[in-house]
Protein backbone atom coordinates (compact mmCIF):
# COMPACT_ATOMS: atom_id res chain seq x y z
CA MET A 1 74.29 67.18 81.37
CA ASN A 2 73.09 69.39 78.50
CA ILE A 3 70.80 67.76 75.95
CA ILE A 4 68.71 68.76 72.93
CA LEU A 5 65.11 67.59 73.23
CA LEU A 6 63.67 65.89 70.16
CA GLU A 7 60.13 65.81 71.60
CA HIS A 8 58.16 68.01 73.99
CA ILE A 9 58.56 66.59 77.50
CA GLU A 10 56.34 67.88 80.28
CA LYS A 11 58.23 69.74 83.03
CA VAL A 12 61.52 69.47 81.10
CA GLY A 13 61.13 71.56 77.95
CA ALA A 14 59.78 71.96 74.45
CA LYS A 15 60.95 70.29 71.27
CA HIS A 16 64.41 71.48 70.12
CA ASP A 17 65.20 73.17 73.45
CA VAL A 18 68.68 72.80 74.91
CA VAL A 19 68.14 71.94 78.57
CA LYS A 20 70.21 70.80 81.52
CA VAL A 21 69.08 67.55 83.14
CA LYS A 22 70.59 65.17 85.66
CA ASP A 23 73.12 62.81 84.10
CA GLY A 24 71.21 59.63 84.92
CA TYR A 25 67.90 60.91 83.55
CA GLY A 26 69.53 61.94 80.29
CA ARG A 27 71.81 58.94 79.85
CA ASN A 28 69.44 56.22 81.05
CA TYR A 29 66.04 57.44 79.90
CA LEU A 30 65.91 60.34 77.43
CA ILE A 31 68.71 59.37 75.06
CA PRO A 32 67.94 55.59 74.83
CA LYS A 33 64.24 56.32 74.20
CA GLY A 34 65.15 58.71 71.35
CA LEU A 35 63.63 61.69 73.14
CA ALA A 36 66.90 63.65 73.26
CA ILE A 37 70.47 63.83 71.97
CA VAL A 38 73.59 65.09 73.69
CA ALA A 39 74.18 68.82 73.18
CA ASN A 40 77.69 68.63 71.75
CA LYS A 41 79.13 70.82 68.94
CA PRO A 42 78.05 68.64 65.97
CA ASN A 43 74.53 68.19 67.35
CA LEU A 44 74.18 71.90 68.14
CA ALA A 45 75.21 72.65 64.54
CA ARG A 46 72.55 70.16 63.36
CA LEU A 47 69.90 71.82 65.53
CA GLU A 48 69.16 74.60 63.01
CA GLY A 49 68.53 72.02 60.29
CA LEU A 50 66.22 70.09 62.61
CA LYS A 51 64.28 73.27 63.38
CA LYS A 52 63.88 74.11 59.68
CA GLN A 53 62.67 70.58 58.87
CA ALA A 54 60.20 70.66 61.75
CA ALA A 55 58.88 74.08 60.68
CA LYS A 56 58.38 72.83 57.11
CA LYS A 57 56.50 69.72 58.32
CA GLU A 58 54.45 71.79 60.76
CA GLY A 59 53.51 74.21 57.95
CA ALA A 60 52.31 71.34 55.76
CA ILE A 61 50.29 69.83 58.63
CA ILE A 62 48.67 73.17 59.46
CA ALA A 63 47.81 73.75 55.78
CA ALA A 64 46.13 70.33 55.60
CA PHE A 65 44.15 70.99 58.79
CA LYS A 66 43.07 74.43 57.52
CA GLU A 67 41.80 72.78 54.35
CA VAL A 68 39.71 70.33 56.38
CA ALA A 69 38.49 73.15 58.64
CA ALA A 70 37.40 75.15 55.56
CA LYS A 71 35.40 72.15 54.35
CA LEU A 72 33.75 72.02 57.78
CA ALA A 73 33.05 75.76 58.01
CA GLY A 74 29.63 75.86 56.37
CA ALA A 75 28.47 72.41 57.41
CA LYS A 76 25.52 71.97 59.74
CA LEU A 77 25.20 68.52 61.28
CA SER A 78 21.96 66.86 62.25
CA ILE A 79 22.12 64.31 65.06
CA ALA A 80 19.12 62.12 65.77
CA ALA A 81 18.53 61.06 69.37
CA LYS A 82 15.72 59.48 71.32
CA ALA A 83 13.71 62.13 73.10
CA GLY A 84 10.62 62.35 75.26
CA GLU A 85 7.49 64.43 74.68
CA SER A 86 9.01 67.50 76.37
CA GLY A 87 12.10 67.51 74.15
CA ARG A 88 14.39 66.08 76.82
CA LEU A 89 16.79 63.38 75.56
CA PHE A 90 17.07 59.88 76.95
CA GLY A 91 20.82 60.18 77.59
CA SER A 92 22.90 62.89 75.96
CA VAL A 93 24.71 63.82 72.76
CA SER A 94 28.49 63.50 73.15
CA ALA A 95 31.63 64.12 71.15
CA GLN A 96 31.36 60.50 69.96
CA ASN A 97 28.07 61.32 68.18
CA ILE A 98 29.58 64.40 66.51
CA SER A 99 32.63 62.37 65.46
CA ALA A 100 30.33 59.80 63.81
CA ALA A 101 28.37 62.57 62.02
CA LEU A 102 31.61 64.12 60.77
CA LYS A 103 32.76 60.72 59.51
CA GLU A 104 29.61 60.59 57.34
CA LEU A 105 30.76 63.90 55.77
CA GLY A 106 34.15 62.33 55.05
CA ILE A 107 36.00 64.14 57.84
CA ASP A 108 37.87 61.91 60.24
CA ALA A 109 37.88 63.70 63.61
CA ASP A 110 38.68 61.82 66.79
CA LYS A 111 36.26 62.39 69.68
CA ARG A 112 39.14 63.66 71.85
CA ILE A 113 39.65 66.75 69.67
CA ILE A 114 35.98 67.76 69.82
CA GLU A 115 35.11 70.18 72.60
CA MET A 116 31.45 70.22 73.56
CA PRO A 117 29.85 73.49 74.77
CA GLU A 118 27.98 71.89 77.66
CA GLU A 119 26.05 68.70 78.24
CA VAL A 120 23.56 68.33 75.42
CA LYS A 121 20.44 66.82 76.98
CA GLU A 122 17.68 68.59 75.04
CA LEU A 123 16.62 69.03 71.44
CA GLY A 124 17.91 72.18 69.78
CA SER A 125 20.85 73.86 68.06
CA TYR A 126 24.35 73.81 69.53
CA THR A 127 27.93 74.57 68.54
CA ALA A 128 30.98 72.42 69.24
CA THR A 129 34.63 73.24 68.58
CA VAL A 130 36.94 70.88 66.71
CA LYS A 131 40.56 71.47 67.69
CA PHE A 132 42.59 69.98 64.84
CA HIS A 133 45.84 71.64 65.97
CA PRO A 134 46.75 74.25 68.60
CA GLU A 135 46.59 76.85 65.80
CA VAL A 136 43.59 75.45 63.87
CA HIS A 137 40.12 75.45 65.49
CA GLN A 138 36.78 75.22 63.75
CA ASP A 139 33.29 75.66 65.19
CA VAL A 140 30.70 73.13 64.05
CA ALA A 141 26.99 73.85 64.30
CA PHE A 142 24.75 70.87 64.97
CA ASP A 143 21.06 70.30 65.55
CA VAL A 144 19.77 67.63 67.86
CA VAL A 145 16.52 66.28 66.42
CA ALA A 146 14.08 63.66 67.67
CA GLU A 147 14.69 60.17 66.33
CA GLU A 148 11.85 58.79 64.21
CA ALA A 149 10.21 55.78 65.88
């Protein structure tokens, strides 16, 4: 059975691909869940329109993410953490801490899109990467400072 995918499905294909799947998988799972439509003549004709709409939406999303990334470009975060005399932290600084610091700047970034360089267990300066979109990445510099007692 030939179908047009409406979403990216792992090990099947990307969004808007025309793929061949087993009849039962297409008829009983993909089509009822709204993940695909049958690849007949009217739907194939509609495919170009779907691609243009998706490209327009994707362009708007990327532009919005680039705007947020530009706001983040010059920012330097300061994260306070409990530390011992030698500068070693009690615990570590994680993506959750960076997400909270970004929220204070007015940027809503989920901890899952923040990629940490390594485990941050000492005071100092580090850089993390925020991956807003596969095409939009922004490095964020942050300092880990000792928390005032």
